[in-house]
Amino acid sequence: MFLVETIEDLRNKIDALKDDGTLGFVPTMGALHMGHISLVEKAVLENQITVVSIFVNPNQFNDKSDLEKYPRTLEADLKLLKDTGCNIVFAPDAKVIYPKKDTRKFDFGPLESIMEGKHRPGHFNGVAQVVSRLFEIVKPKKAYFGLKDFQQLAIIKNMVKQLDLQVQIVPCDIIREKSGLAMSSRNELLTAEERKNAAVISDTLFKTKELSKKKSVQELKSWMVETINKNKYLSVEYVEIVDDIQLQPVNSWDENSAKVACVAAFCGKVRLIDNIVLTD
């Protein structure tokens, strides 16, 4: 496994390894956990070469304090990746990714008007900037993203279509801790007690799937908010039940689309997101 920090070194390593096989790519912001590793292992299975990037993208943080406290654990990340079969770790600095200021503005229409887009203005434009830039640099055939960031996945698919990029986006299942809590780099910022109580979020989502057969959409949303907020460690930022294509709120189970329950909540000062598919 090679660690490279420049585009030139990255391209040289890829060229030396490539023999008409596909290149799989897993973009990350580091602080890796088993959720990330599951993406890498899937990429290794499906491709001749696998590249993992580790880059904390400043353009997707609308809160500078959030950027400053985001965990950076390169040494530990490399240890986790060592036995996955990953070929190259690309860990550039901001000047490599953005040699000049990226002023591009993407229009994702209704996809970015709710949930994360509503509560984190500019976030998805920053995501699109960095992911498109990484695709330009790495030139993957396949790129792997976790379903925990459900709205981000929809945004990236839309961006690929807008820019007519020749890369296949591969969604991968949410990996959870034993408690049910969705694995996230931000979990490392939780205290032991907070981490234990954060599992209420996933517990609520699992019960939401059962209750979707008995309650109306509005009743279910109200129940979710009330249930999570009962825990003194947790505070709901939003709860939405949306369709799985345009991610617009649904008002009835009769609407002809798969439906997904999405949650963002604070556990102490740490913001967590999760989701569950309610209907096929």
C-alpha atoms as a PDB file:
ATOM      1  CA  MET A   1       0.000   0.000   0.000  1.00  0.00           C
ATOM      2  CA  PHE A   2       1.422   3.351  -1.074  1.00  0.00           C
ATOM      3  CA  LEU A   3       0.826   6.708   0.630  1.00  0.00           C
ATOM      4  CA  VAL A   4       0.969   9.642  -1.796  1.00  0.00           C
ATOM      5  CA  GLU A   5       0.321  13.339  -1.296  1.00  0.00           C
ATOM      6  CA  THR A   6       0.629  14.829  -4.789  1.00  0.00           C
ATOM      7  CA  ILE A   7      -1.307  14.325  -8.006  1.00  0.00           C
ATOM      8  CA  GLU A   8       1.863  13.464  -9.901  1.00  0.00           C
ATOM      9  CA  ASP A   9       2.793  10.701  -7.443  1.00  0.00           C
ATOM     10  CA  LEU A  10      -0.766   9.397  -7.492  1.00  0.00           C
ATOM     11  CA  ARG A  11      -0.889   9.178 -11.287  1.00  0.00           C
ATOM     12  CA  ASN A  12       2.534   7.506 -11.404  1.00  0.00           C
ATOM     13  CA  LYS A  13       1.452   4.832  -8.901  1.00  0.00           C
ATOM     14  CA  ILE A  14      -1.825   4.208 -10.743  1.00  0.00           C
ATOM     15  CA  ASP A  15      -0.044   3.936 -14.100  1.00  0.00           C
ATOM     16  CA  ALA A  16       2.467   1.492 -12.650  1.00  0.00           C
ATOM     17  CA  LEU A  17      -0.290  -0.752 -11.271  1.00  0.00           C
ATOM     18  CA  LYS A  18      -2.888  -0.538 -14.010  1.00  0.00           C
ATOM     19  CA  ASP A  19      -3.324  -3.272 -16.574  1.00  0.00           C
ATOM     20  CA  ASP A  20      -6.688  -2.553 -18.217  1.00  0.00           C
ATOM     21  CA  GLY A  21      -8.508  -3.382 -14.978  1.00  0.00           C
ATOM     22  CA  THR A  22     -11.025  -1.112 -13.282  1.00  0.00           C
ATOM     23  CA  LEU A  23     -10.101   1.451 -10.665  1.00  0.00           C
ATOM     24  CA  GLY A  24     -12.297   1.682  -7.570  1.00  0.00           C
ATOM     25  CA  PHE A  25     -12.278   4.782  -5.402  1.00  0.00           C
ATOM     26  CA  VAL A  26     -13.372   5.463  -1.826  1.00  0.00           C
ATOM     27  CA  PRO A  27     -13.284   9.173  -0.918  1.00  0.00           C
ATOM     28  CA  THR A  28     -13.125   9.839   2.840  1.00  0.00           C
ATOM     29  CA  MET A  29     -12.341  12.587   5.301  1.00  0.00           C
ATOM     30  CA  GLY A  30     -10.337  10.192   7.475  1.00  0.00           C
ATOM     31  CA  ALA A  31     -11.056   9.186  11.078  1.00  0.00           C
ATOM     32  CA  LEU A  32     -11.820   5.829   9.521  1.00  0.00           C
ATOM     33  CA  HIS A  33     -14.052   3.200  11.089  1.00  0.00           C
ATOM     34  CA  MET A  34     -15.433  -0.170   9.994  1.00  0.00           C
ATOM     35  CA  GLY A  35     -18.089   1.529   7.900  1.00  0.00           C
ATOM     36  CA  HIS A  36     -15.331   3.004   5.733  1.00  0.00           C
ATOM     37  CA  ILE A  37     -13.467  -0.299   5.732  1.00  0.00           C
ATOM     38  CA  SER A  38     -16.557  -2.090   4.392  1.00  0.00           C
ATOM     39  CA  LEU A  39     -16.545   0.322   1.422  1.00  0.00           C
ATOM     40  CA  VAL A  40     -12.858  -0.311   0.818  1.00  0.00           C
ATOM     41  CA  GLU A  41     -13.281  -4.082   0.982  1.00  0.00           C
ATOM     42  CA  LYS A  42     -16.136  -3.936  -1.521  1.00  0.00           C
ATOM     43  CA  ALA A  43     -14.010  -1.800  -3.846  1.00  0.00           C
ATOM     44  CA  VAL A  44     -11.098  -4.251  -3.547  1.00  0.00           C
ATOM     45  CA  LEU A  45     -13.398  -7.159  -4.454  1.00  0.00           C
ATOM     46  CA  GLU A  46     -14.747  -5.417  -7.545  1.00  0.00           C
ATOM     47  CA  ASN A  47     -11.664  -3.697  -8.971  1.00  0.00           C
ATOM     48  CA  GLN A  48      -8.058  -4.333  -9.892  1.00  0.00           C
ATOM     49  CA  ILE A  49      -6.879  -1.135  -8.186  1.00  0.00           C
ATOM     50  CA  THR A  50      -8.400   0.578  -5.156  1.00  0.00           C
ATOM     51  CA  VAL A  51      -7.597   4.157  -4.159  1.00  0.00           C
ATOM     52  CA  VAL A  52      -8.718   5.686  -0.855  1.00  0.00           C
ATOM     53  CA  SER A  53      -8.493   9.433  -0.369  1.00  0.00           C
ATOM     54  CA  ILE A  54      -8.174  11.078   3.039  1.00  0.00           C
ATOM     55  CA  PHE A  55      -8.918  14.786   2.865  1.00  0.00           C
ATOM     56  CA  VAL A  56     -10.877  16.973   5.282  1.00  0.00           C
ATOM     57  CA  ASN A  57     -12.635  19.256   2.833  1.00  0.00           C
ATOM     58  CA  PRO A  58     -12.931  22.815   4.192  1.00  0.00           C
ATOM     59  CA  ASN A  59     -15.471  23.773   1.519  1.00  0.00           C
ATOM     60  CA  GLN A  60     -18.240  21.600   2.972  1.00  0.00           C
ATOM     61  CA  PHE A  61     -18.146  22.987   6.509  1.00  0.00           C
ATOM     62  CA  ASN A  62     -20.503  25.887   7.043  1.00  0.00           C
ATOM     63  CA  ASP A  63     -19.363  25.979  10.690  1.00  0.00           C
ATOM     64  CA  LYS A  64     -15.630  26.712  11.068  1.00  0.00           C
ATOM     65  CA  SER A  65     -15.543  25.344  14.596  1.00  0.00           C
ATOM     66  CA  ASP A  66     -16.922  22.054  13.259  1.00  0.00           C
ATOM     67  CA  LEU A  67     -14.045  21.963  10.747  1.00  0.00           C
ATOM     68  CA  GLU A  68     -11.477  22.662  13.455  1.00  0.00           C
ATOM     69  CA  LYS A  69     -12.672  19.872  15.762  1.00  0.00           C
ATOM     70  CA  TYR A  70     -13.182  17.279  13.011  1.00  0.00           C
ATOM     71  CA  PRO A  71     -10.928  14.316  13.978  1.00  0.00           C
ATOM     72  CA  ARG A  72      -7.698  13.874  12.011  1.00  0.00           C
ATOM     73  CA  THR A  73      -6.096  10.467  12.595  1.00  0.00           C
ATOM     74  CA  LEU A  74      -3.932   9.644   9.574  1.00  0.00           C
ATOM     75  CA  GLU A  75      -1.616   7.222  11.364  1.00  0.00           C
ATOM     76  CA  ALA A  76      -4.512   5.186  12.773  1.00  0.00           C
ATOM     77  CA  ASP A  77      -6.283   5.340   9.389  1.00  0.00           C
ATOM     78  CA  LEU A  78      -3.277   3.829   7.628  1.00  0.00           C
ATOM     79  CA  LYS A  79      -3.161   0.988  10.150  1.00  0.00           C
ATOM     80  CA  LEU A  80      -6.819   0.210   9.511  1.00  0.00           C
ATOM     81  CA  LEU A  81      -6.304   0.226   5.744  1.00  0.00           C
ATOM     82  CA  LYS A  82      -3.149  -1.892   5.791  1.00  0.00           C
ATOM     83  CA  ASP A  83      -4.829  -5.298   5.526  1.00  0.00           C
ATOM     84  CA  THR A  84      -7.786  -4.337   3.311  1.00  0.00           C
ATOM     85  CA  GLY A  85      -6.042  -4.781  -0.032  1.00  0.00           C
ATOM     86  CA  CYS A  86      -6.158  -1.047  -0.737  1.00  0.00           C
ATOM     87  CA  ASN A  87      -3.376  -0.139  -3.176  1.00  0.00           C
ATOM     88  CA  ILE A  88      -3.006   3.622  -2.760  1.00  0.00           C
ATOM     89  CA  VAL A  89      -3.907   6.145  -0.064  1.00  0.00           C
ATOM     90  CA  PHE A  90      -4.108   9.676  -1.429  1.00  0.00           C
ATOM     91  CA  ALA A  91      -3.730  12.213   1.406  1.00  0.00           C
ATOM     92  CA  PRO A  92      -3.311  15.640  -0.189  1.00  0.00           C
ATOM     93  CA  ASP A  93      -3.405  19.033   1.456  1.00  0.00           C
ATOM     94  CA  ALA A  94      -5.858  21.774   0.482  1.00  0.00           C
ATOM     95  CA  LYS A  95      -3.440  23.384  -1.995  1.00  0.00           C
ATOM     96  CA  VAL A  96      -3.313  20.166  -4.019  1.00  0.00           C
ATOM     97  CA  ILE A  97      -7.097  19.853  -4.230  1.00  0.00           C
ATOM     98  CA  TYR A  98      -7.720  23.579  -4.659  1.00  0.00           C
ATOM     99  CA  PRO A  99      -4.705  25.171  -6.385  1.00  0.00           C
ATOM    100  CA  LYS A 100      -7.021  28.111  -6.892  1.00  0.00           C
ATOM    101  CA  LYS A 101     -10.315  28.961  -5.217  1.00  0.00           C
ATOM    102  CA  ASP A 102     -13.173  26.777  -6.432  1.00  0.00           C
ATOM    103  CA  THR A 103     -15.989  29.200  -7.275  1.00  0.00           C
ATOM    104  CA  ARG A 104     -18.272  26.719  -9.029  1.00  0.00           C
ATOM    105  CA  LYS A 105     -21.941  26.838  -8.030  1.00  0.00           C
ATOM    106  CA  PHE A 106     -24.038  23.719  -8.487  1.00  0.00           C
ATOM    107  CA  ASP A 107     -27.816  23.722  -8.757  1.00  0.00           C
ATOM    108  CA  PHE A 108     -29.389  20.630  -7.235  1.00  0.00           C
ATOM    109  CA  GLY A 109     -32.912  22.045  -7.167  1.00  0.00           C
ATOM    110  CA  PRO A 110     -35.231  20.500  -4.559  1.00  0.00           C
ATOM    111  CA  LEU A 111     -32.595  17.910  -3.590  1.00  0.00           C
ATOM    112  CA  GLU A 112     -30.722  20.521  -1.551  1.00  0.00           C
ATOM    113  CA  SER A 113     -33.678  22.493  -0.194  1.00  0.00           C
ATOM    114  CA  ILE A 114     -34.457  20.249   2.783  1.00  0.00           C
ATOM    115  CA  MET A 115     -32.752  18.319   5.574  1.00  0.00           C
ATOM    116  CA  GLU A 116     -28.963  18.698   5.357  1.00  0.00           C
ATOM    117  CA  GLY A 117     -29.238  21.310   2.621  1.00  0.00           C
ATOM    118  CA  LYS A 118     -31.623  23.426   4.671  1.00  0.00           C
ATOM    119  CA  HIS A 119     -29.693  23.156   7.923  1.00  0.00           C
ATOM    120  CA  ARG A 120     -26.168  23.342   6.475  1.00  0.00           C
ATOM    121  CA  PRO A 121     -26.212  26.062   3.785  1.00  0.00           C
ATOM    122  CA  GLY A 122     -23.487  25.572   1.179  1.00  0.00           C
ATOM    123  CA  HIS A 123     -22.625  22.106   2.455  1.00  0.00           C
ATOM    124  CA  PHE A 124     -23.619  20.196  -0.664  1.00  0.00           C
ATOM    125  CA  ASN A 125     -21.981  22.679  -2.998  1.00  0.00           C
ATOM    126  CA  GLY A 126     -18.738  22.000  -1.106  1.00  0.00           C
ATOM    127  CA  VAL A 127     -19.327  18.248  -1.362  1.00  0.00           C
ATOM    128  CA  ALA A 128     -19.888  18.504  -5.116  1.00  0.00           C
ATOM    129  CA  GLN A 129     -16.766  20.632  -5.517  1.00  0.00           C
ATOM    130  CA  VAL A 130     -14.475  18.194  -3.731  1.00  0.00           C
ATOM    131  CA  VAL A 131     -15.953  14.970  -5.101  1.00  0.00           C
ATOM    132  CA  SER A 132     -15.899  16.206  -8.699  1.00  0.00           C
ATOM    133  CA  ARG A 133     -12.330  17.422  -8.187  1.00  0.00           C
ATOM    134  CA  LEU A 134     -11.286  14.052  -6.742  1.00  0.00           C
ATOM    135  CA  PHE A 135     -12.973  12.250  -9.637  1.00  0.00           C
ATOM    136  CA  GLU A 136     -11.014  14.479 -12.029  1.00  0.00           C
ATOM    137  CA  ILE A 137      -7.751  13.599 -10.285  1.00  0.00           C
ATOM    138  CA  VAL A 138      -8.264   9.873  -9.591  1.00  0.00           C
ATOM    139  CA  LYS A 139     -10.318   9.020 -12.709  1.00  0.00           C
ATOM    140  CA  PRO A 140     -12.152   6.041 -11.170  1.00  0.00           C
ATOM    141  CA  LYS A 141     -14.523   3.682 -12.953  1.00  0.00           C
ATOM    142  CA  LYS A 142     -16.435   3.055  -9.710  1.00  0.00           C
ATOM    143  CA  ALA A 143     -16.792   5.129  -6.537  1.00  0.00           C
ATOM    144  CA  TYR A 144     -18.196   3.833  -3.257  1.00  0.00           C
ATOM    145  CA  PHE A 145     -20.400   5.752  -0.814  1.00  0.00           C
ATOM    146  CA  GLY A 146     -22.281   4.711   2.334  1.00  0.00           C
ATOM    147  CA  LEU A 147     -26.052   4.965   2.574  1.00  0.00           C
ATOM    148  CA  LYS A 148     -25.823   6.671   5.984  1.00  0.00           C
ATOM    149  CA  ASP A 149     -25.302   9.931   4.098  1.00  0.00           C
ATOM    150  CA  PHE A 150     -28.463   9.273   2.090  1.00  0.00           C
ATOM    151  CA  GLN A 151     -28.979  12.815   0.840  1.00  0.00           C
ATOM    152  CA  GLN A 152     -25.300  13.214  -0.037  1.00  0.00           C
ATOM    153  CA  LEU A 153     -25.498  10.061  -2.150  1.00  0.00           C
ATOM    154  CA  ALA A 154     -28.446  11.507  -4.093  1.00  0.00           C
ATOM    155  CA  ILE A 155     -26.532  14.775  -4.585  1.00  0.00           C
ATOM    156  CA  ILE A 156     -23.454  12.954  -5.903  1.00  0.00           C
ATOM    157  CA  LYS A 157     -25.528  10.899  -8.339  1.00  0.00           C
ATOM    158  CA  ASN A 158     -27.121  14.125  -9.568  1.00  0.00           C
ATOM    159  CA  MET A 159     -23.714  15.800  -9.916  1.00  0.00           C
ATOM    160  CA  VAL A 160     -22.353  12.876 -11.955  1.00  0.00           C
ATOM    161  CA  LYS A 161     -25.337  13.193 -14.285  1.00  0.00           C
ATOM    162  CA  GLN A 162     -25.000  16.991 -14.570  1.00  0.00           C
ATOM    163  CA  LEU A 163     -21.303  16.804 -15.420  1.00  0.00           C
ATOM    164  CA  ASP A 164     -21.700  13.672 -17.586  1.00  0.00           C
ATOM    165  CA  LEU A 165     -18.949  11.901 -15.662  1.00  0.00           C
ATOM    166  CA  GLN A 166     -18.117   8.326 -16.621  1.00  0.00           C
ATOM    167  CA  VAL A 167     -18.080   6.914 -13.112  1.00  0.00           C
ATOM    168  CA  GLN A 168     -20.447   4.404 -11.535  1.00  0.00           C
ATOM    169  CA  ILE A 169     -21.670   5.360  -8.066  1.00  0.00           C
ATOM    170  CA  VAL A 170     -21.954   2.277  -5.830  1.00  0.00           C
ATOM    171  CA  PRO A 171     -24.177   2.658  -2.724  1.00  0.00           C
ATOM    172  CA  CYS A 172     -23.137   0.554   0.289  1.00  0.00           C
ATOM    173  CA  ASP A 173     -25.137  -0.474   3.349  1.00  0.00           C
ATOM    174  CA  ILE A 174     -24.966   1.371   6.668  1.00  0.00           C
ATOM    175  CA  ILE A 175     -22.589  -0.355   9.089  1.00  0.00           C
ATOM    176  CA  ARG A 176     -23.667  -0.117  12.712  1.00  0.00           C
ATOM    177  CA  GLU A 177     -22.062  -0.532  16.103  1.00  0.00           C
ATOM    178  CA  LYS A 178     -23.335  -3.349  18.349  1.00  0.00           C
ATOM    179  CA  SER A 179     -25.719  -0.861  19.948  1.00  0.00           C
ATOM    180  CA  GLY A 180     -27.250  -0.073  16.545  1.00  0.00           C
ATOM    181  CA  LEU A 181     -25.656   3.384  16.336  1.00  0.00           C
ATOM    182  CA  ALA A 182     -24.631   4.134  12.758  1.00  0.00           C
ATOM    183  CA  MET A 183     -20.856   4.201  12.482  1.00  0.00           C
ATOM    184  CA  SER A 184     -19.521   7.707  11.972  1.00  0.00           C
ATOM    185  CA  SER A 185     -16.223   9.504  12.419  1.00  0.00           C
ATOM    186  CA  ARG A 186     -18.108  11.908  14.688  1.00  0.00           C
ATOM    187  CA  ASN A 187     -18.846   9.086  17.140  1.00  0.00           C
ATOM    188  CA  GLU A 188     -15.246   9.460  18.324  1.00  0.00           C
ATOM    189  CA  LEU A 189     -16.168  12.897  19.683  1.00  0.00           C
ATOM    190  CA  LEU A 190     -18.818  11.408  22.000  1.00  0.00           C
ATOM    191  CA  THR A 191     -18.176  10.545  25.625  1.00  0.00           C
ATOM    192  CA  ALA A 192     -18.853   6.938  26.632  1.00  0.00           C
ATOM    193  CA  GLU A 193     -22.179   7.945  28.188  1.00  0.00           C
ATOM    194  CA  GLU A 194     -23.178  10.010  25.147  1.00  0.00           C
ATOM    195  CA  ARG A 195     -22.294   7.155  22.821  1.00  0.00           C
ATOM    196  CA  LYS A 196     -24.495   4.784  24.806  1.00  0.00           C
ATOM    197  CA  ASN A 197     -27.443   7.186  24.676  1.00  0.00           C
ATOM    198  CA  ALA A 198     -26.920   8.054  20.997  1.00  0.00           C
ATOM    199  CA  ALA A 199     -28.178   4.548  20.186  1.00  0.00           C
ATOM    200  CA  VAL A 200     -31.675   5.860  20.955  1.00  0.00           C
ATOM    201  CA  ILE A 201     -31.569   7.420  17.473  1.00  0.00           C
ATOM    202  CA  SER A 202     -31.209   4.083  15.695  1.00  0.00           C
ATOM    203  CA  ASP A 203     -33.604   2.348  18.116  1.00  0.00           C
ATOM    204  CA  THR A 204     -36.208   4.950  17.214  1.00  0.00           C
ATOM    205  CA  LEU A 205     -35.629   4.402  13.492  1.00  0.00           C
ATOM    206  CA  PHE A 206     -35.999   0.634  13.816  1.00  0.00           C
ATOM    207  CA  LYS A 207     -39.298   1.080  15.699  1.00  0.00           C
ATOM    208  CA  THR A 208     -40.366   3.668  13.132  1.00  0.00           C
ATOM    209  CA  LYS A 209     -40.305   0.979  10.458  1.00  0.00           C
ATOM    210  CA  GLU A 210     -42.673  -1.175  12.524  1.00  0.00           C
ATOM    211  CA  LEU A 211     -44.982   1.734  13.374  1.00  0.00           C
ATOM    212  CA  SER A 212     -45.206   2.882   9.741  1.00  0.00           C
ATOM    213  CA  LYS A 213     -47.812   0.138   9.313  1.00  0.00           C
ATOM    214  CA  LYS A 214     -49.993   1.674  12.056  1.00  0.00           C
ATOM    215  CA  LYS A 215     -49.463   5.433  12.115  1.00  0.00           C
ATOM    216  CA  SER A 216     -49.939   8.190   9.557  1.00  0.00           C
ATOM    217  CA  VAL A 217     -46.853   9.990   8.257  1.00  0.00           C
ATOM    218  CA  GLN A 218     -47.451  13.026  10.474  1.00  0.00           C
ATOM    219  CA  GLU A 219     -48.199  10.907  13.541  1.00  0.00           C
ATOM    220  CA  LEU A 220     -45.006   8.951  12.974  1.00  0.00           C
ATOM    221  CA  LYS A 221     -42.851  12.046  12.596  1.00  0.00           C
ATOM    222  CA  SER A 222     -44.255  13.524  15.795  1.00  0.00           C
ATOM    223  CA  TRP A 223     -43.637  10.256  17.618  1.00  0.00           C
ATOM    224  CA  MET A 224     -40.018  10.142  16.393  1.00  0.00           C
ATOM    225  CA  VAL A 225     -39.275  13.677  17.595  1.00  0.00           C
ATOM    226  CA  GLU A 226     -40.924  13.064  20.965  1.00  0.00           C
ATOM    227  CA  THR A 227     -39.145   9.725  21.467  1.00  0.00           C
ATOM    228  CA  ILE A 228     -35.654  11.028  20.695  1.00  0.00           C
ATOM    229  CA  ASN A 229     -36.097  14.260  22.648  1.00  0.00           C
ATOM    230  CA  LYS A 230     -37.162  12.312  25.745  1.00  0.00           C
ATOM    231  CA  ASN A 231     -33.519  11.345  26.158  1.00  0.00           C
ATOM    232  CA  LYS A 232     -31.703  14.114  28.033  1.00  0.00           C
ATOM    233  CA  TYR A 233     -28.562  13.676  25.921  1.00  0.00           C
ATOM    234  CA  LEU A 234     -30.383  14.154  22.604  1.00  0.00           C
ATOM    235  CA  SER A 235     -31.986  17.025  20.738  1.00  0.00           C
ATOM    236  CA  VAL A 236     -33.640  16.605  17.328  1.00  0.00           C
ATOM    237  CA  GLU A 237     -32.658  19.044  14.600  1.00  0.00           C
ATOM    238  CA  TYR A 238     -34.993  17.534  12.006  1.00  0.00           C
ATOM    239  CA  VAL A 239     -37.043  14.448  11.249  1.00  0.00           C
ATOM    240  CA  GLU A 240     -38.307  13.874   7.714  1.00  0.00           C
ATOM    241  CA  ILE A 241     -40.011  11.085   5.814  1.00  0.00           C
ATOM    242  CA  VAL A 242     -39.129  11.494   2.152  1.00  0.00           C
ATOM    243  CA  ASP A 243     -39.259   9.741  -1.195  1.00  0.00           C
ATOM    244  CA  ASP A 244     -36.037   8.003  -2.221  1.00  0.00           C
ATOM    245  CA  ILE A 245     -35.519   9.848  -5.535  1.00  0.00           C
ATOM    246  CA  GLN A 246     -36.059  13.599  -5.088  1.00  0.00           C
ATOM    247  CA  LEU A 247     -35.980  13.332  -1.269  1.00  0.00           C
ATOM    248  CA  GLN A 248     -39.128  15.417  -0.932  1.00  0.00           C
ATOM    249  CA  PRO A 249     -41.387  15.076   2.112  1.00  0.00           C
ATOM    250  CA  VAL A 250     -44.283  12.653   1.686  1.00  0.00           C
ATOM    251  CA  ASN A 251     -47.676  13.162   3.287  1.00  0.00           C
ATOM    252  CA  SER A 252     -49.203   9.747   2.751  1.00  0.00           C
ATOM    253  CA  TRP A 253     -48.111   6.114   2.588  1.00  0.00           C
ATOM    254  CA  ASP A 254     -50.173   5.858  -0.609  1.00  0.00           C
ATOM    255  CA  GLU A 255     -47.737   8.004  -2.598  1.00  0.00           C
ATOM    256  CA  ASN A 256     -46.036   5.907  -5.267  1.00  0.00           C
ATOM    257  CA  SER A 257     -42.423   5.852  -4.096  1.00  0.00           C
ATOM    258  CA  ALA A 258     -40.140   4.152  -1.630  1.00  0.00           C
ATOM    259  CA  LYS A 259     -40.030   6.100   1.606  1.00  0.00           C
ATOM    260  CA  VAL A 260     -37.083   6.845   3.866  1.00  0.00           C
ATOM    261  CA  ALA A 261     -37.088   8.195   7.418  1.00  0.00           C
ATOM    262  CA  CYS A 262     -34.168  10.590   8.005  1.00  0.00           C
ATOM    263  CA  VAL A 263     -32.992  12.074  11.304  1.00  0.00           C
ATOM    264  CA  ALA A 264     -30.434  14.636  12.405  1.00  0.00           C
ATOM    265  CA  ALA A 265     -29.935  15.070  16.137  1.00  0.00           C
ATOM    266  CA  PHE A 266     -27.390  16.498  18.535  1.00  0.00           C
ATOM    267  CA  CYS A 267     -25.921  14.251  21.189  1.00  0.00           C
ATOM    268  CA  GLY A 268     -24.348  16.787  23.477  1.00  0.00           C
ATOM    269  CA  LYS A 269     -22.502  19.029  21.017  1.00  0.00           C
ATOM    270  CA  VAL A 270     -22.010  16.322  18.373  1.00  0.00           C
ATOM    271  CA  ARG A 271     -24.337  16.282  15.380  1.00  0.00           C
ATOM    272  CA  LEU A 272     -25.358  12.816  14.138  1.00  0.00           C
ATOM    273  CA  ILE A 273     -27.441  11.674  11.177  1.00  0.00           C
ATOM    274  CA  ASP A 274     -29.113   8.365  10.356  1.00  0.00           C
ATOM    275  CA  ASN A 275     -31.890   6.947   8.193  1.00  0.00           C
ATOM    276  CA  ILE A 276     -33.893   3.832   7.443  1.00  0.00           C
ATOM    277  CA  VAL A 277     -35.884   2.695   4.407  1.00  0.00           C
ATOM    278  CA  LEU A 278     -39.500   2.269   5.508  1.00  0.00           C
ATOM    279  CA  THR A 279     -41.152   0.895   2.350  1.00  0.00           C
ATOM    280  CA  ASP A 280     -39.915  -0.862  -0.781  1.00  0.00           C
END
